[in-house]
Amino acid sequence: MVAWATGLIFYGMILVVVYFLHSQSSNVDRRAMARQSREIAGQINTNSITVQTLQTQLATARRKLHAVQAVGRQPNMGVLMNIIAESVGDEVVLEQCRLAPTKAGQAPDSRLILELKGYCSSQAVVSLFAMRLEKTNLFEQINLVKTTRRPFLGAKAVQFQIECPLEAPQGDL
């Protein structure tokens, strides 16, 4: 009987030790799972930001492609003129807006150059207008060809000439 009692006590102690070890490993597993969950949540946030950035870049590229294709396929410049009108601002008056093939002496290709001539109140306004055109991402570059002070509507104004080669689309989007 004592042997049975000793065996039961020993068996009970083994059960307690196994329970204790199991509860400790469960706590370690829970802590590890909580840490992994936090890491995964951080990765999800990082990936969400990356996806938003890429969606913005894709929307810009699609807009650019649409404008370039629309101008290249149609004789009217409605889409391009709308984008230019958004860039003009209140202090710029366009006198001439012309879409022409690349100039003689340059490599022959199917690209077009937008030529803009107009007036504004100051050199700073010309620079601001050029920066707005650059932000549209439609042009390979913005070339300020000429600026001069001229009389305009009874006041002094800055006359400018800007040339903007349209950037060719790169592949299908």
N, C-alpha and C. Protein backbone atom coordinates (compact mmCIF):
# COMPACT_ATOMS: atom_id res chain seq x y z
N MET A 1 0.82 -1.17 0.00
CA MET A 1 0.00 0.00 0.00
C MET A 1 0.88 1.26 0.00
N VAL A 2 1.97 1.21 0.76
CA VAL A 2 2.89 2.33 0.81
C VAL A 2 3.51 2.49 -0.57
N ALA A 3 3.76 1.40 -1.24
CA ALA A 3 4.34 1.48 -2.56
C ALA A 3 3.37 2.16 -3.52
N TRP A 4 2.07 1.84 -3.35
CA TRP A 4 1.06 2.49 -4.19
C TRP A 4 0.98 3.97 -3.87
N ALA A 5 1.00 4.31 -2.66
CA ALA A 5 0.91 5.71 -2.24
C ALA A 5 2.12 6.47 -2.74
N THR A 6 3.30 5.89 -2.62
CA THR A 6 4.51 6.53 -3.10
C THR A 6 4.44 6.69 -4.62
N GLY A 7 3.95 5.66 -5.29
CA GLY A 7 3.82 5.73 -6.73
C GLY A 7 2.85 6.82 -7.16
N LEU A 8 1.71 6.92 -6.44
CA LEU A 8 0.73 7.97 -6.76
C LEU A 8 1.30 9.37 -6.50
N ILE A 9 2.01 9.50 -5.41
CA ILE A 9 2.61 10.80 -5.10
C ILE A 9 3.63 11.15 -6.19
N PHE A 10 4.48 10.19 -6.54
CA PHE A 10 5.47 10.40 -7.58
C PHE A 10 4.79 10.74 -8.92
N TYR A 11 3.73 10.00 -9.24
CA TYR A 11 2.97 10.24 -10.47
C TYR A 11 2.34 11.63 -10.44
N GLY A 12 1.80 12.05 -9.29
CA GLY A 12 1.21 13.38 -9.14
C GLY A 12 2.25 14.47 -9.31
N MET A 13 3.46 14.21 -8.76
CA MET A 13 4.53 15.20 -8.90
C MET A 13 4.95 15.32 -10.37
N ILE A 14 4.99 14.21 -11.06
CA ILE A 14 5.33 14.25 -12.49
C ILE A 14 4.28 15.03 -13.25
N LEU A 15 3.01 14.82 -12.93
CA LEU A 15 1.93 15.57 -13.59
C LEU A 15 2.06 17.07 -13.32
N VAL A 16 2.39 17.44 -12.10
CA VAL A 16 2.55 18.86 -11.76
C VAL A 16 3.72 19.45 -12.54
N VAL A 17 4.84 18.73 -12.61
CA VAL A 17 6.00 19.22 -13.35
C VAL A 17 5.67 19.35 -14.84
N VAL A 18 4.99 18.35 -15.40
CA VAL A 18 4.61 18.40 -16.82
C VAL A 18 3.66 19.57 -17.06
N TYR A 19 2.68 19.78 -16.15
CA TYR A 19 1.74 20.90 -16.28
C TYR A 19 2.49 22.23 -16.24
N PHE A 20 3.44 22.34 -15.30
CA PHE A 20 4.21 23.58 -15.16
C PHE A 20 5.04 23.84 -16.42
N LEU A 21 5.71 22.80 -16.91
CA LEU A 21 6.52 22.96 -18.12
C LEU A 21 5.65 23.31 -19.32
N HIS A 22 4.49 22.69 -19.41
CA HIS A 22 3.57 22.97 -20.52
C HIS A 22 3.06 24.42 -20.44
N SER A 23 2.71 24.86 -19.25
CA SER A 23 2.22 26.24 -19.12
C SER A 23 3.32 27.24 -19.46
N GLN A 24 4.57 26.93 -19.09
CA GLN A 24 5.68 27.80 -19.43
C GLN A 24 5.91 27.85 -20.94
N SER A 25 5.86 26.71 -21.59
CA SER A 25 6.04 26.68 -23.04
C SER A 25 4.88 27.37 -23.73
N SER A 26 3.67 27.29 -23.17
CA SER A 26 2.52 28.00 -23.75
C SER A 26 2.73 29.49 -23.65
N ASN A 27 3.26 29.96 -22.51
CA ASN A 27 3.52 31.39 -22.36
C ASN A 27 4.58 31.84 -23.37
N VAL A 28 5.61 31.02 -23.55
CA VAL A 28 6.65 31.35 -24.53
C VAL A 28 6.02 31.38 -25.92
N ASP A 29 5.17 30.39 -26.23
CA ASP A 29 4.50 30.36 -27.53
C ASP A 29 3.60 31.58 -27.70
N ARG A 30 2.88 31.96 -26.66
CA ARG A 30 2.00 33.14 -26.76
C ARG A 30 2.82 34.41 -26.96
N ARG A 31 3.93 34.52 -26.22
CA ARG A 31 4.78 35.70 -26.38
C ARG A 31 5.38 35.73 -27.79
N ALA A 32 5.83 34.58 -28.27
CA ALA A 32 6.40 34.52 -29.62
C ALA A 32 5.34 34.86 -30.66
N MET A 33 4.15 34.35 -30.45
CA MET A 33 3.06 34.65 -31.38
C MET A 33 2.69 36.13 -31.34
N ALA A 34 2.68 36.73 -30.16
CA ALA A 34 2.37 38.15 -30.04
C ALA A 34 3.45 38.99 -30.74
N ARG A 35 4.72 38.59 -30.57
CA ARG A 35 5.82 39.29 -31.23
C ARG A 35 5.70 39.15 -32.75
N GLN A 36 5.42 37.95 -33.21
CA GLN A 36 5.25 37.74 -34.65
C GLN A 36 4.06 38.53 -35.18
N SER A 37 2.99 38.60 -34.40
CA SER A 37 1.82 39.38 -34.83
C SER A 37 2.17 40.86 -34.97
N ARG A 38 2.95 41.38 -34.03
CA ARG A 38 3.37 42.79 -34.12
C ARG A 38 4.26 43.01 -35.34
N GLU A 39 5.17 42.06 -35.60
CA GLU A 39 6.05 42.19 -36.77
C GLU A 39 5.24 42.14 -38.06
N ILE A 40 4.28 41.24 -38.11
CA ILE A 40 3.44 41.13 -39.32
C ILE A 40 2.60 42.39 -39.50
N ALA A 41 2.08 42.93 -38.40
CA ALA A 41 1.29 44.17 -38.49
C ALA A 41 2.17 45.31 -39.01
N GLY A 42 3.42 45.36 -38.57
CA GLY A 42 4.35 46.38 -39.08
C GLY A 42 4.63 46.19 -40.56
N GLN A 43 4.81 44.95 -40.98
CA GLN A 43 5.03 44.67 -42.40
C GLN A 43 3.81 45.04 -43.23
N ILE A 44 2.62 44.78 -42.69
CA ILE A 44 1.38 45.14 -43.40
C ILE A 44 1.30 46.65 -43.56
N ASN A 45 1.62 47.40 -42.51
CA ASN A 45 1.60 48.86 -42.60
C ASN A 45 2.61 49.36 -43.63
N THR A 46 3.83 48.81 -43.60
CA THR A 46 4.85 49.20 -44.57
C THR A 46 4.40 48.89 -45.98
N ASN A 47 3.86 47.70 -46.18
CA ASN A 47 3.38 47.30 -47.51
C ASN A 47 2.21 48.16 -47.96
N SER A 48 1.34 48.55 -47.04
CA SER A 48 0.21 49.42 -47.39
C SER A 48 0.70 50.78 -47.89
N ILE A 49 1.71 51.32 -47.21
CA ILE A 49 2.28 52.60 -47.64
C ILE A 49 2.93 52.45 -49.01
N THR A 50 3.65 51.34 -49.21
CA THR A 50 4.28 51.09 -50.51
C THR A 50 3.24 50.98 -51.60
N VAL A 51 2.15 50.27 -51.32
CA VAL A 51 1.08 50.12 -52.32
C VAL A 51 0.46 51.47 -52.64
N GLN A 52 0.22 52.30 -51.64
CA GLN A 52 -0.35 53.63 -51.89
C GLN A 52 0.59 54.47 -52.75
N THR A 53 1.88 54.42 -52.45
CA THR A 53 2.86 55.16 -53.25
C THR A 53 2.87 54.67 -54.69
N LEU A 54 2.86 53.35 -54.86
CA LEU A 54 2.86 52.79 -56.21
C LEU A 54 1.56 53.11 -56.95
N GLN A 55 0.44 53.13 -56.23
CA GLN A 55 -0.83 53.49 -56.88
C GLN A 55 -0.80 54.94 -57.35
N THR A 56 -0.22 55.82 -56.56
CA THR A 56 -0.08 57.22 -56.97
C THR A 56 0.81 57.33 -58.20
N GLN A 57 1.93 56.62 -58.19
CA GLN A 57 2.83 56.65 -59.35
C GLN A 57 2.16 56.07 -60.59
N LEU A 58 1.38 55.00 -60.40
CA LEU A 58 0.68 54.39 -61.52
C LEU A 58 -0.37 55.35 -62.08
N ALA A 59 -1.10 56.04 -61.20
CA ALA A 59 -2.10 57.00 -61.66
C ALA A 59 -1.44 58.13 -62.45
N THR A 60 -0.29 58.60 -61.97
CA THR A 60 0.44 59.65 -62.69
C THR A 60 0.90 59.14 -64.05
N ALA A 61 1.43 57.92 -64.08
CA ALA A 61 1.91 57.35 -65.35
C ALA A 61 0.75 57.14 -66.32
N ARG A 62 -0.39 56.70 -65.82
CA ARG A 62 -1.55 56.51 -66.69
C ARG A 62 -2.04 57.85 -67.25
N ARG A 63 -2.06 58.87 -66.39
CA ARG A 63 -2.49 60.20 -66.85
C ARG A 63 -1.54 60.71 -67.93
N LYS A 64 -0.26 60.53 -67.69
CA LYS A 64 0.76 60.96 -68.64
C LYS A 64 0.60 60.20 -69.96
N LEU A 65 0.43 58.89 -69.89
CA LEU A 65 0.26 58.09 -71.08
C LEU A 65 -1.00 58.51 -71.84
N HIS A 66 -2.07 58.71 -71.11
CA HIS A 66 -3.33 59.12 -71.74
C HIS A 66 -3.16 60.45 -72.48
N ALA A 67 -2.51 61.41 -71.82
CA ALA A 67 -2.33 62.72 -72.45
C ALA A 67 -1.45 62.62 -73.69
N VAL A 68 -0.35 61.89 -73.59
CA VAL A 68 0.56 61.76 -74.72
C VAL A 68 -0.12 61.04 -75.88
N GLN A 69 -0.85 59.96 -75.57
CA GLN A 69 -1.55 59.23 -76.62
C GLN A 69 -2.67 60.08 -77.23
N ALA A 70 -3.39 60.80 -76.38
CA ALA A 70 -4.49 61.62 -76.89
C ALA A 70 -3.96 62.71 -77.81
N VAL A 71 -2.87 63.35 -77.43
CA VAL A 71 -2.30 64.40 -78.27
C VAL A 71 -1.74 63.80 -79.55
N GLY A 72 -1.08 62.65 -79.44
CA GLY A 72 -0.47 62.03 -80.60
C GLY A 72 -1.49 61.51 -81.61
N ARG A 73 -2.66 61.13 -81.16
CA ARG A 73 -3.66 60.53 -82.04
C ARG A 73 -4.67 61.54 -82.59
N GLN A 74 -4.82 62.66 -81.92
CA GLN A 74 -5.88 63.58 -82.30
C GLN A 74 -5.30 64.91 -82.76
N PRO A 75 -5.93 65.51 -83.78
CA PRO A 75 -5.46 66.83 -84.20
C PRO A 75 -5.79 67.92 -83.18
N ASN A 76 -6.83 67.75 -82.37
CA ASN A 76 -7.11 68.78 -81.37
C ASN A 76 -6.29 68.50 -80.12
N MET A 77 -5.99 69.56 -79.39
CA MET A 77 -5.11 69.45 -78.23
C MET A 77 -5.90 69.62 -76.95
N GLY A 78 -7.15 69.16 -76.92
CA GLY A 78 -8.02 69.39 -75.76
C GLY A 78 -7.46 68.90 -74.44
N VAL A 79 -6.97 67.68 -74.41
CA VAL A 79 -6.45 67.12 -73.17
C VAL A 79 -5.21 67.89 -72.71
N LEU A 80 -4.29 68.12 -73.64
CA LEU A 80 -3.08 68.86 -73.31
C LEU A 80 -3.41 70.30 -72.89
N MET A 81 -4.32 70.94 -73.60
CA MET A 81 -4.70 72.32 -73.25
C MET A 81 -5.31 72.38 -71.85
N ASN A 82 -6.08 71.38 -71.48
CA ASN A 82 -6.66 71.34 -70.14
C ASN A 82 -5.56 71.27 -69.08
N ILE A 83 -4.56 70.44 -69.32
CA ILE A 83 -3.46 70.32 -68.37
C ILE A 83 -2.66 71.63 -68.30
N ILE A 84 -2.45 72.27 -69.45
CA ILE A 84 -1.74 73.56 -69.48
C ILE A 84 -2.55 74.62 -68.75
N ALA A 85 -3.87 74.62 -68.99
CA ALA A 85 -4.73 75.60 -68.32
C ALA A 85 -4.66 75.47 -66.81
N GLU A 86 -4.52 74.23 -66.31
CA GLU A 86 -4.39 74.03 -64.87
C GLU A 86 -3.06 74.58 -64.35
N SER A 87 -2.06 74.66 -65.20
CA SER A 87 -0.73 75.12 -64.80
C SER A 87 -0.54 76.62 -64.93
N VAL A 88 -1.36 77.30 -65.71
CA VAL A 88 -1.14 78.70 -66.04
C VAL A 88 -1.23 79.62 -64.83
N GLY A 89 -2.27 79.55 -64.05
CA GLY A 89 -2.45 80.48 -62.95
C GLY A 89 -3.03 81.79 -63.44
N ASP A 90 -3.24 82.72 -62.52
CA ASP A 90 -3.90 83.99 -62.84
C ASP A 90 -2.95 85.04 -63.40
N GLU A 91 -1.65 84.88 -63.23
CA GLU A 91 -0.71 85.92 -63.63
C GLU A 91 -0.04 85.67 -64.96
N VAL A 92 -0.45 84.61 -65.67
CA VAL A 92 0.16 84.27 -66.95
C VAL A 92 -0.89 84.42 -68.04
N VAL A 93 -0.48 85.09 -69.13
CA VAL A 93 -1.34 85.22 -70.31
C VAL A 93 -0.60 84.56 -71.47
N LEU A 94 -1.22 83.52 -72.02
CA LEU A 94 -0.59 82.84 -73.16
C LEU A 94 -0.98 83.55 -74.44
N GLU A 95 0.02 83.84 -75.23
CA GLU A 95 -0.18 84.48 -76.52
C GLU A 95 -0.21 83.44 -77.64
N GLN A 96 0.60 82.39 -77.47
CA GLN A 96 0.68 81.35 -78.50
C GLN A 96 0.94 80.01 -77.83
N CYS A 97 0.25 79.00 -78.34
CA CYS A 97 0.45 77.64 -77.88
C CYS A 97 0.49 76.77 -79.14
N ARG A 98 1.65 76.14 -79.38
CA ARG A 98 1.83 75.42 -80.64
C ARG A 98 2.45 74.06 -80.37
N LEU A 99 1.91 73.05 -81.01
CA LEU A 99 2.47 71.71 -80.94
C LEU A 99 3.13 71.41 -82.27
N ALA A 100 4.44 71.13 -82.25
CA ALA A 100 5.20 70.97 -83.50
C ALA A 100 6.06 69.72 -83.42
N PRO A 101 6.44 69.18 -84.58
CA PRO A 101 7.39 68.07 -84.57
C PRO A 101 8.75 68.56 -84.12
N THR A 102 9.64 67.62 -83.80
CA THR A 102 10.98 68.00 -83.37
C THR A 102 11.63 68.90 -84.41
N LYS A 103 12.50 69.78 -83.97
CA LYS A 103 13.13 70.76 -84.84
C LYS A 103 14.15 70.13 -85.76
N ALA A 104 14.43 70.80 -86.86
CA ALA A 104 15.46 70.33 -87.81
C ALA A 104 16.80 70.27 -87.09
N GLY A 105 17.59 69.27 -87.43
CA GLY A 105 18.89 69.12 -86.80
C GLY A 105 18.85 68.18 -85.61
N GLN A 106 17.65 67.89 -85.09
CA GLN A 106 17.54 66.93 -84.01
C GLN A 106 17.25 65.57 -84.62
N ALA A 107 17.44 64.53 -83.83
CA ALA A 107 17.21 63.17 -84.33
C ALA A 107 15.75 63.04 -84.77
N PRO A 108 15.52 62.53 -85.97
CA PRO A 108 14.15 62.40 -86.42
C PRO A 108 13.42 61.30 -85.64
N ASP A 109 12.31 61.65 -85.09
CA ASP A 109 11.45 60.69 -84.42
C ASP A 109 10.03 61.24 -84.43
N SER A 110 9.14 60.55 -83.78
CA SER A 110 7.74 60.97 -83.83
C SER A 110 7.36 61.85 -82.65
N ARG A 111 8.36 62.33 -81.90
CA ARG A 111 8.05 63.16 -80.74
C ARG A 111 7.64 64.57 -81.15
N LEU A 112 6.92 65.19 -80.24
CA LEU A 112 6.42 66.54 -80.48
C LEU A 112 6.97 67.48 -79.43
N ILE A 113 7.00 68.77 -79.78
CA ILE A 113 7.44 69.82 -78.85
C ILE A 113 6.29 70.81 -78.68
N LEU A 114 5.97 71.11 -77.44
CA LEU A 114 4.98 72.13 -77.14
C LEU A 114 5.72 73.46 -77.00
N GLU A 115 5.32 74.45 -77.80
CA GLU A 115 5.93 75.78 -77.74
C GLU A 115 4.91 76.74 -77.17
N LEU A 116 5.29 77.42 -76.10
CA LEU A 116 4.41 78.38 -75.42
C LEU A 116 5.05 79.75 -75.43
N LYS A 117 4.26 80.77 -75.79
CA LYS A 117 4.70 82.16 -75.72
C LYS A 117 3.63 82.93 -74.98
N GLY A 118 4.08 83.87 -74.16
CA GLY A 118 3.10 84.65 -73.42
C GLY A 118 3.73 85.74 -72.59
N TYR A 119 2.91 86.30 -71.70
CA TYR A 119 3.32 87.41 -70.84
C TYR A 119 2.96 87.08 -69.40
N CYS A 120 3.75 87.65 -68.49
CA CYS A 120 3.41 87.57 -67.06
C CYS A 120 4.01 88.77 -66.36
N SER A 121 3.69 88.88 -65.09
CA SER A 121 4.07 90.09 -64.37
C SER A 121 5.54 90.15 -63.97
N SER A 122 6.21 89.01 -63.80
CA SER A 122 7.61 89.04 -63.36
C SER A 122 8.33 87.75 -63.76
N GLN A 123 9.64 87.80 -63.62
CA GLN A 123 10.46 86.62 -63.90
C GLN A 123 10.11 85.48 -62.95
N ALA A 124 9.78 85.81 -61.71
CA ALA A 124 9.42 84.78 -60.73
C ALA A 124 8.16 84.03 -61.16
N VAL A 125 7.23 84.73 -61.76
CA VAL A 125 6.01 84.08 -62.24
C VAL A 125 6.32 83.14 -63.41
N VAL A 126 7.26 83.54 -64.27
CA VAL A 126 7.68 82.65 -65.37
C VAL A 126 8.26 81.36 -64.78
N SER A 127 9.11 81.51 -63.78
CA SER A 127 9.73 80.34 -63.14
C SER A 127 8.68 79.45 -62.49
N LEU A 128 7.72 80.05 -61.84
CA LEU A 128 6.64 79.29 -61.20
C LEU A 128 5.82 78.53 -62.24
N PHE A 129 5.52 79.18 -63.35
CA PHE A 129 4.79 78.53 -64.43
C PHE A 129 5.59 77.34 -64.98
N ALA A 130 6.88 77.53 -65.18
CA ALA A 130 7.74 76.44 -65.68
C ALA A 130 7.77 75.28 -64.68
N MET A 131 7.81 75.58 -63.40
CA MET A 131 7.80 74.53 -62.39
C MET A 131 6.48 73.77 -62.40
N ARG A 132 5.38 74.49 -62.57
CA ARG A 132 4.07 73.81 -62.65
C ARG A 132 4.00 72.88 -63.86
N LEU A 133 4.54 73.34 -64.99
CA LEU A 133 4.58 72.48 -66.17
C LEU A 133 5.42 71.23 -65.91
N GLU A 134 6.53 71.42 -65.22
CA GLU A 134 7.41 70.30 -64.92
C GLU A 134 6.71 69.27 -64.02
N LYS A 135 5.91 69.74 -63.08
CA LYS A 135 5.22 68.85 -62.15
C LYS A 135 4.15 68.00 -62.83
N THR A 136 3.73 68.35 -64.04
CA THR A 136 2.75 67.53 -64.74
C THR A 136 3.34 66.21 -65.18
N ASN A 137 4.68 66.13 -65.25
CA ASN A 137 5.39 64.92 -65.69
C ASN A 137 5.04 64.51 -67.11
N LEU A 138 4.60 65.44 -67.93
CA LEU A 138 4.28 65.14 -69.32
C LEU A 138 5.45 65.42 -70.26
N PHE A 139 6.38 66.21 -69.78
CA PHE A 139 7.42 66.69 -70.66
C PHE A 139 8.78 66.12 -70.27
N GLU A 140 9.59 65.90 -71.28
CA GLU A 140 10.95 65.40 -71.04
C GLU A 140 11.75 66.44 -70.27
N GLN A 141 11.56 67.70 -70.63
CA GLN A 141 12.20 68.81 -69.93
C GLN A 141 11.45 70.09 -70.26
N ILE A 142 11.70 71.11 -69.50
CA ILE A 142 11.10 72.43 -69.73
C ILE A 142 12.24 73.38 -70.08
N ASN A 143 12.21 73.92 -71.30
CA ASN A 143 13.28 74.82 -71.75
C ASN A 143 12.75 76.25 -71.80
N LEU A 144 13.29 77.10 -70.97
CA LEU A 144 12.96 78.52 -71.02
C LEU A 144 13.88 79.13 -72.08
N VAL A 145 13.32 79.38 -73.26
CA VAL A 145 14.10 79.82 -74.41
C VAL A 145 14.46 81.29 -74.30
N LYS A 146 13.49 82.12 -73.89
CA LYS A 146 13.75 83.56 -73.90
C LYS A 146 12.79 84.27 -72.95
N THR A 147 13.30 85.29 -72.28
CA THR A 147 12.45 86.22 -71.51
C THR A 147 12.94 87.63 -71.79
N THR A 148 11.99 88.55 -71.98
CA THR A 148 12.33 89.97 -72.18
C THR A 148 11.26 90.82 -71.53
N ARG A 149 11.65 92.02 -71.10
CA ARG A 149 10.67 92.98 -70.56
C ARG A 149 10.06 93.73 -71.73
N ARG A 150 8.73 93.79 -71.76
CA ARG A 150 8.01 94.44 -72.84
C ARG A 150 6.80 95.17 -72.27
N PRO A 151 6.34 96.20 -72.98
CA PRO A 151 5.08 96.81 -72.57
C PRO A 151 3.92 95.86 -72.92
N PHE A 152 2.96 95.79 -72.02
CA PHE A 152 1.80 94.92 -72.25
C PHE A 152 0.61 95.51 -71.52
N LEU A 153 -0.43 95.85 -72.27
CA LEU A 153 -1.66 96.44 -71.71
C LEU A 153 -1.36 97.65 -70.83
N GLY A 154 -0.50 98.51 -71.30
CA GLY A 154 -0.20 99.76 -70.59
C GLY A 154 0.73 99.60 -69.41
N ALA A 155 1.35 98.46 -69.23
CA ALA A 155 2.29 98.26 -68.12
C ALA A 155 3.48 97.46 -68.63
N LYS A 156 4.49 97.32 -67.80
CA LYS A 156 5.64 96.50 -68.14
C LYS A 156 5.34 95.05 -67.75
N ALA A 157 5.72 94.14 -68.61
CA ALA A 157 5.52 92.72 -68.35
C ALA A 157 6.72 91.95 -68.87
N VAL A 158 6.80 90.70 -68.48
CA VAL A 158 7.86 89.81 -68.96
C VAL A 158 7.27 88.93 -70.05
N GLN A 159 7.85 89.05 -71.24
CA GLN A 159 7.44 88.18 -72.34
C GLN A 159 8.34 86.95 -72.28
N PHE A 160 7.75 85.76 -72.45
CA PHE A 160 8.55 84.54 -72.35
C PHE A 160 8.26 83.60 -73.52
N GLN A 161 9.21 82.70 -73.73
CA GLN A 161 9.03 81.62 -74.70
C GLN A 161 9.56 80.35 -74.03
N ILE A 162 8.72 79.32 -74.00
CA ILE A 162 9.07 78.04 -73.37
C ILE A 162 8.86 76.93 -74.38
N GLU A 163 9.79 75.98 -74.43
CA GLU A 163 9.63 74.79 -75.28
C GLU A 163 9.67 73.56 -74.38
N CYS A 164 8.72 72.66 -74.61
CA CYS A 164 8.58 71.47 -73.78
C CYS A 164 8.45 70.23 -74.66
N PRO A 165 9.51 69.47 -74.86
CA PRO A 165 9.37 68.22 -75.63
C PRO A 165 8.50 67.24 -74.85
N LEU A 166 7.49 66.70 -75.53
CA LEU A 166 6.64 65.70 -74.88
C LEU A 166 7.44 64.44 -74.67
N GLU A 167 7.32 63.87 -73.49
CA GLU A 167 8.04 62.64 -73.19
C GLU A 167 7.31 61.47 -73.83
N ALA A 168 8.04 60.64 -74.53
CA ALA A 168 7.45 59.48 -75.20
C ALA A 168 7.08 58.44 -74.15
N PRO A 169 5.90 57.79 -74.27
CA PRO A 169 5.54 56.76 -73.31
C PRO A 169 6.48 55.57 -73.43
N GLN A 170 6.75 54.94 -72.29
CA GLN A 170 7.67 53.79 -72.27
C GLN A 170 6.88 52.53 -71.99
N GLY A 171 6.50 51.82 -73.03
CA GLY A 171 5.76 50.56 -72.87
C GLY A 171 4.31 50.79 -72.55
N ASP A 172 3.56 49.72 -72.45
CA ASP A 172 2.13 49.81 -72.14
C ASP A 172 1.94 49.77 -70.65
N LEU A 173 0.98 50.59 -70.16
CA LEU A 173 0.64 50.59 -68.74
C LEU A 173 -0.72 50.00 -68.56
